[in-house]
Amino acid sequence: MKEKLQNLQKKHVIAGVVGVFVVLIGLTFVVTKNVEAKRAEAIAEQKKEFEKKSKDLESIQSEIKGLWEDETKGFLKKEVSEDTFKKLQKQFSEHKIAKEVENKQVESAKNDYNKEIAKTTKVFGDFEVTFNSQTKTNALFKAPVVIGKEVKKDGTISDGLTIEKINEVDTEVLNNEFSKAVAELKKIATDQVNGITNSKKAVEALFKDGKPLDNEENYNKVKKEVEKIKNETAKKELLAKLDQVKKVVEEKKKVAEEKAKKEAEEKKAAEKAEAEAAAEQSGGKAVQDDSGNWAVETPQGVTVAPSQAAPQAQAPSNNNNGSSTGGGNTASPQTPAPQPAPSQPVTIVAGAVGNSGMIFDTESEADAWATAERWKEGGKWFKKSQQVVDIVYSDGSRKWTVNFF
């Protein structure tokens, strides 16, 4: 009985062990299935994530391509702004090249994703270079000069622009119409900067030891160049300095004009006095022509220069006095002294006084006077043609006169 009981206990132990083993096998199977399911789920999620990222990159590429006005020529649409650029830059910065993965399905999705990164890098890179170049180019000027595909070549450079700042604009990366336009705009900006620099040097040359010089000719030349400057700030600054030079020039000019005016008045007074004296001697009268020159009108009605007016001829005097003797004797008649023949007036026998009304001793004097009158601005004979002709008088003398036409 005891032995039978022991055998029964052994059977129960064996059955228990087998049961536990069966349970363990079942649990292992369940756990394995769960692990495999989770692993498969993780792989699917990883693959799905790569696929989603690839689509995001494709979306970025598509959006960038839609921002070109004309991609072949390299111009962006005018609506593209700093906010547009920063948004796309942020989106693209969230993507990084993926590392190696074990699962082949995930590996394929990862490779596709990395390819999209490479494509987006090229697409975004061209966009970034163009946008930065456009932004820097527009910053060279007071107002944008590249607006979409419109390029304004009459812009005014920004205040204080330097050659160094211009050289920061990159034009070598992209070889297209946009790059050519930027290069041309850089040259326009450079020319304006150089114009301001050269004008500053020219203005400084009109000063010595900080004081403005009296140089009207150079002042006029420099002022003409300064007025070509498009940047109003730079122009205003240089014109203010030129005003200091202008003040000195005008003061010296005023002194010279007053001196010349005084000398001219003194000369006219002397000419008038000379004409009046000559008129008194010749029996004529002093007259003034339309140009303000003084002359003498002779008794014969001929207008001559004061130096040409001949003194008035004196009539001969007759001596009719006789002598008487005392004692009732009648006076013996005196034989009259021979009288000189009355002087004959000198008349013109060949030629005539020209419409200038002037007569000269020499042809060269007449020509010099006529030339001066022709270029006397505001005068009667200004820019007229001249002709010097001779006059022959009855006494055989010869003079010269001037005709204008």
Protein backbone atom coordinates (compact mmCIF):
# COMPACT_ATOMS: atom_id res chain seq x y z
CA MET A 1 0.00 0.00 0.00
CA LYS A 2 2.81 2.27 0.88
CA GLU A 3 4.58 1.52 -2.36
CA LYS A 4 1.43 2.18 -4.30
CA LEU A 5 1.04 5.54 -2.61
CA GLN A 6 4.59 6.48 -3.51
CA ASN A 7 4.04 5.60 -7.15
CA LEU A 8 0.94 7.71 -7.20
CA GLN A 9 2.84 10.68 -5.80
CA LYS A 10 5.52 10.30 -8.46
CA LYS A 11 2.90 10.35 -11.17
CA HIS A 12 1.42 13.54 -9.73
CA VAL A 13 4.84 15.21 -9.68
CA ILE A 14 5.55 14.21 -13.26
CA ALA A 15 2.16 15.45 -14.34
CA GLY A 16 2.79 18.75 -12.58
CA VAL A 17 6.17 19.20 -14.22
CA VAL A 18 4.73 18.42 -17.61
CA GLY A 19 1.94 20.90 -17.00
CA VAL A 20 4.36 23.61 -16.03
CA PHE A 21 6.46 22.88 -19.08
CA VAL A 22 3.42 23.10 -21.32
CA VAL A 23 2.46 26.39 -19.75
CA LEU A 24 5.97 27.72 -20.24
CA ILE A 25 5.98 26.71 -23.87
CA GLY A 26 2.65 28.43 -24.35
CA LEU A 27 3.84 31.58 -22.68
CA THR A 28 7.02 31.61 -24.78
CA PHE A 29 4.98 31.28 -27.94
CA VAL A 30 2.71 34.12 -26.93
CA VAL A 31 5.63 36.37 -25.98
CA THR A 32 7.42 35.58 -29.22
CA LYS A 33 4.35 36.41 -31.22
CA ASN A 34 3.94 39.69 -29.39
CA VAL A 35 7.59 40.65 -29.95
CA GLU A 36 7.39 39.85 -33.62
CA ALA A 37 4.18 41.82 -33.92
CA LYS A 38 5.68 44.83 -32.19
CA ARG A 39 8.82 44.57 -34.29
CA ALA A 40 6.77 44.42 -37.46
CA GLU A 41 4.75 47.37 -36.24
CA ALA A 42 7.93 49.35 -35.50
CA ILE A 43 9.34 48.57 -38.93
CA ALA A 44 6.12 49.67 -40.56
CA GLU A 45 6.12 52.90 -38.56
CA GLN A 46 9.75 53.57 -39.44
CA LYS A 47 9.08 52.96 -43.12
CA LYS A 48 5.99 55.13 -42.95
CA GLU A 49 8.00 57.92 -41.30
CA PHE A 50 10.62 57.89 -44.07
CA GLU A 51 7.88 57.94 -46.69
CA LYS A 52 6.19 60.89 -44.97
CA LYS A 53 9.46 62.81 -44.78
CA SER A 54 10.09 62.13 -48.45
CA LYS A 55 6.68 63.58 -49.29
CA ASP A 56 7.46 66.63 -47.13
CA LEU A 57 10.65 67.19 -49.11
CA GLU A 58 8.78 66.79 -52.38
CA SER A 59 6.33 69.40 -51.13
CA ILE A 60 9.20 71.81 -50.34
CA GLN A 61 10.64 71.27 -53.82
CA SER A 62 7.26 71.89 -55.41
CA GLU A 63 6.71 75.09 -53.43
CA ILE A 64 10.14 76.45 -54.33
CA LYS A 65 9.63 75.70 -58.02
CA GLY A 66 6.43 77.72 -57.85
CA LEU A 67 8.35 80.76 -56.60
CA TRP A 68 10.27 81.29 -59.85
CA GLU A 69 9.05 83.94 -62.28
CA ASP A 70 11.19 82.33 -64.94
CA GLU A 71 13.41 79.58 -63.60
CA THR A 72 15.54 79.36 -66.74
CA LYS A 73 16.43 83.06 -66.48
CA GLY A 74 16.74 82.95 -62.70
CA PHE A 75 14.20 85.58 -61.61
CA LEU A 76 12.02 85.02 -58.53
CA LYS A 77 8.42 86.18 -58.32
CA LYS A 78 7.97 89.62 -56.80
CA GLU A 79 5.79 88.12 -54.03
CA VAL A 80 8.76 86.21 -52.56
CA SER A 81 9.61 87.79 -49.20
CA GLU A 82 11.96 87.31 -46.27
CA ASP A 83 9.18 85.43 -44.46
CA THR A 84 8.80 83.06 -47.41
CA PHE A 85 12.52 82.31 -47.37
CA LYS A 86 12.71 81.78 -43.59
CA LYS A 87 9.69 79.45 -43.59
CA LEU A 88 11.20 77.19 -46.26
CA GLN A 89 14.61 77.35 -44.63
CA LYS A 90 13.13 76.18 -41.31
CA GLN A 91 11.19 73.35 -42.97
CA PHE A 92 14.25 72.08 -44.83
CA SER A 93 16.53 72.37 -41.78
CA GLU A 94 14.39 69.74 -39.99
CA HIS A 95 15.56 67.05 -42.43
CA LYS A 96 18.89 65.23 -42.00
CA ILE A 97 20.57 62.41 -43.88
CA ALA A 98 19.38 59.10 -42.34
CA LYS A 99 21.87 56.52 -41.03
CA GLU A 100 21.99 52.78 -41.83
CA VAL A 101 19.03 50.57 -40.82
CA GLU A 102 18.81 46.75 -40.60
CA ASN A 103 15.48 46.01 -42.22
CA LYS A 104 15.58 45.91 -46.00
CA GLN A 105 12.13 47.45 -46.36
CA VAL A 106 13.11 50.34 -44.14
CA GLU A 107 16.47 50.58 -45.91
CA SER A 108 14.69 51.13 -49.23
CA ALA A 109 12.45 53.85 -47.78
CA LYS A 110 15.46 55.45 -46.12
CA ASN A 111 17.40 55.50 -49.39
CA ASP A 112 14.46 57.15 -51.14
CA TYR A 113 14.34 59.74 -48.38
CA ASN A 114 18.06 60.50 -48.67
CA LYS A 115 17.64 60.94 -52.42
CA GLU A 116 14.91 63.50 -51.80
CA ILE A 117 17.22 65.34 -49.41
CA ALA A 118 19.83 65.55 -52.17
CA LYS A 119 17.24 66.87 -54.65
CA THR A 120 15.89 69.40 -52.16
CA THR A 121 19.41 70.55 -51.32
CA LYS A 122 19.95 71.49 -54.98
CA VAL A 123 16.51 73.10 -55.39
CA PHE A 124 16.71 75.04 -52.12
CA GLY A 125 20.37 75.94 -52.76
CA ASP A 126 19.59 77.68 -56.07
CA PHE A 127 16.65 79.44 -54.45
CA GLU A 128 18.75 80.55 -51.46
CA VAL A 129 21.61 81.89 -53.62
CA THR A 130 19.20 83.83 -55.83
CA PHE A 131 17.18 85.23 -52.93
CA ASN A 132 20.28 86.35 -51.01
CA SER A 133 21.80 87.90 -54.13
CA GLN A 134 18.56 89.75 -54.89
CA THR A 135 18.25 90.96 -51.29
CA LYS A 136 21.84 92.26 -51.19
CA THR A 137 21.49 93.89 -54.61
CA ASN A 138 18.32 95.73 -53.59
CA ALA A 139 20.08 96.86 -50.40
CA LEU A 140 22.63 98.73 -52.54
CA PHE A 141 19.90 101.15 -53.59
CA LYS A 142 17.39 103.37 -51.81
CA ALA A 143 14.50 101.48 -53.44
CA PRO A 144 14.37 97.89 -54.81
CA VAL A 145 15.78 97.58 -58.32
CA VAL A 146 14.98 93.87 -58.86
CA ILE A 147 11.24 93.27 -58.59
CA GLY A 148 10.28 89.95 -60.10
CA LYS A 149 11.73 89.98 -63.60
CA GLU A 150 11.71 93.80 -63.72
CA VAL A 151 15.18 95.35 -63.45
CA LYS A 152 15.41 99.11 -62.77
CA LYS A 153 18.68 100.61 -63.96
CA ASP A 154 18.01 104.19 -62.85
CA GLY A 155 18.14 103.58 -59.10
CA THR A 156 19.90 105.80 -56.56
CA ILE A 157 22.46 104.18 -54.28
CA SER A 158 21.90 103.99 -50.53
CA ASP A 159 23.50 106.55 -48.22
CA GLY A 160 27.08 105.72 -47.26
CA LEU A 161 27.43 102.84 -49.74
CA THR A 162 31.00 101.56 -50.19
CA ILE A 163 32.80 99.48 -52.81
CA GLU A 164 33.38 96.79 -50.15
CA LYS A 165 29.63 96.46 -49.61
CA ILE A 166 29.03 96.16 -53.35
CA ASN A 167 31.61 93.38 -53.64
CA GLU A 168 29.68 91.30 -51.10
CA VAL A 169 26.99 90.66 -53.71
CA ASP A 170 27.67 87.29 -55.38
CA THR A 171 27.13 87.08 -59.14
CA GLU A 172 29.34 84.11 -60.03
CA VAL A 173 27.32 81.17 -58.66
CA LEU A 174 24.48 81.11 -61.19
CA ASN A 175 25.13 81.75 -64.86
CA ASN A 176 21.79 83.13 -66.08
CA GLU A 177 19.98 86.35 -66.97
CA PHE A 178 19.47 87.19 -63.31
CA SER A 179 23.21 87.01 -62.60
CA LYS A 180 23.93 89.24 -65.60
CA ALA A 181 21.39 91.79 -64.36
CA VAL A 182 22.94 91.78 -60.88
CA ALA A 183 26.42 92.30 -62.38
CA GLU A 184 25.13 95.30 -64.35
CA LEU A 185 23.44 96.77 -61.26
CA LYS A 186 26.67 96.35 -59.30
CA LYS A 187 28.49 98.36 -61.98
CA ILE A 188 25.83 101.10 -61.82
CA ALA A 189 26.24 101.28 -58.04
CA THR A 190 30.04 101.28 -58.37
CA ASP A 191 29.96 104.16 -60.86
CA GLN A 192 27.79 106.21 -58.50
CA VAL A 193 30.09 105.53 -55.54
CA ASN A 194 33.15 106.46 -57.61
CA GLY A 195 31.39 109.61 -58.80
CA ILE A 196 30.81 110.70 -55.20
CA THR A 197 34.39 109.82 -54.22
CA ASN A 198 35.88 111.78 -57.12
CA SER A 199 33.60 114.76 -56.45
CA LYS A 200 34.68 114.80 -52.80
CA LYS A 201 38.33 114.94 -53.87
CA ALA A 202 37.58 117.72 -56.35
CA VAL A 203 35.74 119.75 -53.70
CA GLU A 204 38.59 119.29 -51.21
CA ALA A 205 41.01 120.60 -53.86
CA LEU A 206 39.13 123.93 -53.73
CA PHE A 207 40.24 124.36 -50.11
CA LYS A 208 43.66 125.07 -48.66
CA ASP A 209 44.32 124.75 -44.95
CA GLY A 210 40.57 124.47 -44.50
CA LYS A 211 39.85 127.77 -46.26
CA PRO A 212 38.03 128.10 -49.62
CA LEU A 213 40.05 129.29 -52.61
CA ASP A 214 39.06 131.95 -55.15
CA ASN A 215 38.95 129.78 -58.29
CA GLU A 216 35.79 130.44 -60.29
CA GLU A 217 36.76 128.24 -63.25
CA ASN A 218 37.38 125.13 -61.12
CA TYR A 219 34.36 125.93 -58.95
CA ASN A 220 32.08 125.85 -62.00
CA LYS A 221 33.59 122.57 -63.24
CA VAL A 222 33.30 120.85 -59.86
CA LYS A 223 29.76 122.13 -59.25
CA LYS A 224 28.70 120.71 -62.62
CA GLU A 225 30.01 117.27 -61.61
CA VAL A 226 28.49 117.41 -58.12
CA GLU A 227 25.07 118.20 -59.57
CA LYS A 228 25.23 114.90 -61.51
CA ILE A 229 25.24 112.93 -58.22
CA LYS A 230 21.93 111.08 -57.76
CA ASN A 231 22.23 110.50 -54.02
CA GLU A 232 20.69 113.64 -52.52
CA THR A 233 22.41 113.24 -49.15
CA ALA A 234 25.89 113.18 -50.69
CA LYS A 235 25.01 115.93 -53.16
CA LYS A 236 23.63 118.22 -50.44
CA GLU A 237 26.75 117.74 -48.32
CA LEU A 238 29.11 118.62 -51.19
CA LEU A 239 27.03 121.58 -52.39
CA ALA A 240 27.14 122.99 -48.85
CA LYS A 241 30.95 122.97 -49.02
CA LEU A 242 30.88 124.46 -52.51
CA ASP A 243 28.74 127.32 -51.19
CA GLN A 244 31.75 128.41 -49.13
CA VAL A 245 33.83 128.61 -52.31
CA LYS A 246 31.00 130.38 -54.14
CA LYS A 247 30.88 133.07 -51.48
CA VAL A 248 34.60 133.81 -51.87
CA VAL A 249 34.36 133.79 -55.67
CA GLU A 250 31.37 136.15 -55.70
CA GLU A 251 32.99 138.56 -53.24
CA LYS A 252 36.15 138.79 -55.37
CA LYS A 253 34.04 139.07 -58.52
CA LYS A 254 31.99 141.88 -56.99
CA VAL A 255 35.13 143.83 -56.13
CA ALA A 256 36.47 143.34 -59.67
CA GLU A 257 33.16 144.41 -61.22
CA GLU A 258 32.96 147.53 -59.08
CA LYS A 259 36.53 148.41 -60.04
CA ALA A 260 35.81 147.84 -63.74
CA LYS A 261 32.62 149.91 -63.49
CA LYS A 262 34.48 152.78 -61.87
CA GLU A 263 37.23 152.66 -64.51
CA ALA A 264 34.61 152.58 -67.29
CA GLU A 265 32.82 155.59 -65.83
CA GLU A 266 36.10 157.48 -65.55
CA LYS A 267 36.96 156.56 -69.13
CA LYS A 268 33.55 157.74 -70.39
CA ALA A 269 33.93 161.00 -68.49
CA ALA A 270 37.36 161.52 -70.04
CA GLU A 271 36.00 160.72 -73.52
CA LYS A 272 33.16 163.17 -73.01
CA ALA A 273 35.53 165.90 -71.88
CA GLU A 274 37.79 165.23 -74.88
CA ALA A 275 34.82 165.35 -77.27
CA GLU A 276 33.51 168.60 -75.76
CA ALA A 277 36.94 170.22 -75.98
CA ALA A 278 37.39 169.11 -79.59
CA ALA A 279 33.89 170.32 -80.45
CA GLU A 280 34.61 173.73 -78.98
CA GLN A 281 37.79 174.06 -81.03
CA SER A 282 36.22 172.86 -84.28
CA GLY A 283 32.95 174.73 -83.95
CA GLY A 284 31.04 171.46 -83.89
CA LYS A 285 29.22 169.73 -81.08
CA ALA A 286 29.86 166.70 -78.89
CA VAL A 287 27.51 163.79 -79.60
CA GLN A 288 27.07 160.26 -78.23
CA ASP A 289 26.21 157.30 -80.46
CA ASP A 290 23.91 154.36 -79.64
CA SER A 291 26.83 152.43 -78.17
CA GLY A 292 27.64 155.24 -75.76
CA ASN A 293 30.81 156.37 -77.55
CA TRP A 294 31.55 160.11 -77.72
CA ALA A 295 32.33 161.81 -81.04
CA VAL A 296 32.26 165.25 -82.64
CA GLU A 297 29.77 166.36 -85.25
CA THR A 298 31.56 168.90 -87.47
CA PRO A 299 29.90 172.01 -88.91
CA GLN A 300 29.70 170.09 -92.19
CA GLY A 301 27.52 167.44 -90.47
CA VAL A 302 30.24 164.78 -90.45
CA THR A 303 30.66 162.74 -87.27
CA VAL A 304 34.31 162.07 -86.46
CA ALA A 305 36.37 160.88 -83.54
CA PRO A 306 37.44 163.75 -81.23
CA SER A 307 41.03 163.41 -82.40
CA GLN A 308 39.90 163.91 -86.01
CA ALA A 309 38.00 167.15 -85.45
CA ALA A 310 39.99 169.98 -87.20
CA PRO A 311 40.26 173.37 -85.44
CA GLN A 312 37.85 176.02 -86.78
CA ALA A 313 39.43 178.14 -89.54
CA GLN A 314 39.92 181.83 -88.53
CA ALA A 315 38.63 184.51 -90.92
CA PRO A 316 41.41 186.89 -92.14
CA SER A 317 41.41 190.47 -90.62
CA ASN A 318 41.63 193.61 -92.86
CA ASN A 319 43.74 196.57 -91.69
CA ASN A 320 41.95 199.74 -93.03
CA ASN A 321 43.57 202.22 -90.66
CA GLY A 322 45.31 205.20 -92.39
CA SER A 323 47.67 207.84 -91.00
CA SER A 324 46.81 211.59 -91.02
CA THR A 325 49.09 214.63 -91.02
CA GLY A 326 48.48 217.94 -89.48
CA GLY A 327 48.10 221.31 -91.27
CA GLY A 328 45.03 220.25 -93.15
CA ASN A 329 46.87 217.76 -95.22
CA THR A 330 44.71 214.84 -96.22
CA ALA A 331 45.78 211.39 -95.27
CA SER A 332 47.77 209.59 -97.83
CA PRO A 333 46.23 206.26 -98.70
CA GLN A 334 48.05 203.14 -97.51
CA THR A 335 48.65 200.28 -99.86
CA PRO A 336 46.76 197.35 -98.37
CA ALA A 337 48.87 194.36 -97.44
CA PRO A 338 48.21 191.28 -99.53
CA GLN A 339 45.57 189.11 -97.90
CA PRO A 340 45.79 185.31 -97.79
CA ALA A 341 43.22 183.52 -99.85
CA PRO A 342 40.22 182.44 -97.77
CA SER A 343 40.65 178.86 -96.54
CA GLN A 344 38.47 176.42 -98.39
CA PRO A 345 36.48 173.88 -96.37
CA VAL A 346 37.83 170.35 -96.64
CA THR A 347 35.26 168.12 -98.28
CA ILE A 348 35.01 164.45 -99.19
CA VAL A 349 35.74 163.87 -102.85
CA ALA A 350 35.71 160.05 -102.85
CA GLY A 351 33.86 157.62 -100.62
CA ALA A 352 31.50 158.43 -97.77
CA VAL A 353 31.32 158.14 -94.01
CA GLY A 354 30.08 154.64 -93.10
CA ASN A 355 26.91 153.92 -91.11
CA SER A 356 29.07 153.69 -87.99
CA GLY A 357 29.57 157.48 -88.21
CA MET A 358 33.23 157.01 -87.23
CA ILE A 359 36.38 158.22 -89.07
CA PHE A 360 39.92 157.01 -88.31
CA ASP A 361 43.45 158.04 -89.30
CA THR A 362 44.55 154.50 -90.17
CA GLU A 363 42.92 151.38 -91.50
CA SER A 364 44.20 149.32 -88.55
CA GLU A 365 42.56 151.68 -86.04
CA ALA A 366 39.26 151.41 -87.89
CA ASP A 367 39.47 147.61 -88.04
CA ALA A 368 40.35 147.29 -84.33
CA TRP A 369 37.46 149.55 -83.30
CA ALA A 370 34.99 147.69 -85.55
CA THR A 371 36.07 144.29 -84.19
CA ALA A 372 35.61 145.48 -80.61
CA GLU A 373 32.13 146.83 -81.40
CA ARG A 374 31.08 143.58 -83.07
CA TRP A 375 31.68 141.65 -79.84
CA LYS A 376 30.36 144.23 -77.39
CA GLU A 377 27.37 142.31 -76.02
CA GLY A 378 24.26 144.48 -76.00
CA GLY A 379 25.87 147.03 -78.34
CA LYS A 380 24.32 148.33 -81.55
CA TRP A 381 26.71 146.40 -83.79
CA PHE A 382 26.87 143.15 -81.75
CA LYS A 383 27.64 140.17 -84.05
CA LYS A 384 27.26 142.29 -87.22
CA SER A 385 29.59 141.93 -90.21
CA GLN A 386 32.07 144.77 -90.73
CA GLN A 387 33.66 146.52 -93.71
CA VAL A 388 36.49 149.08 -93.49
CA VAL A 389 36.54 151.56 -96.43
CA ASP A 390 38.64 154.63 -97.17
CA ILE A 391 37.58 158.28 -97.67
CA VAL A 392 39.52 160.78 -99.80
CA TYR A 393 39.30 164.50 -98.96
CA SER A 394 39.68 167.55 -101.18
CA ASP A 395 43.03 168.40 -99.57
CA GLY A 396 44.41 165.04 -100.67
CA SER A 397 44.26 163.49 -97.19
CA ARG A 398 42.90 160.00 -96.65
CA LYS A 399 40.86 158.57 -93.76
CA TRP A 400 39.04 155.32 -93.02
CA THR A 401 35.49 154.59 -91.90
CA VAL A 402 33.42 151.49 -91.03
CA ASN A 403 30.20 150.04 -92.39
CA PHE A 404 28.24 147.36 -90.51
CA PHE A 405 25.69 145.06 -92.13
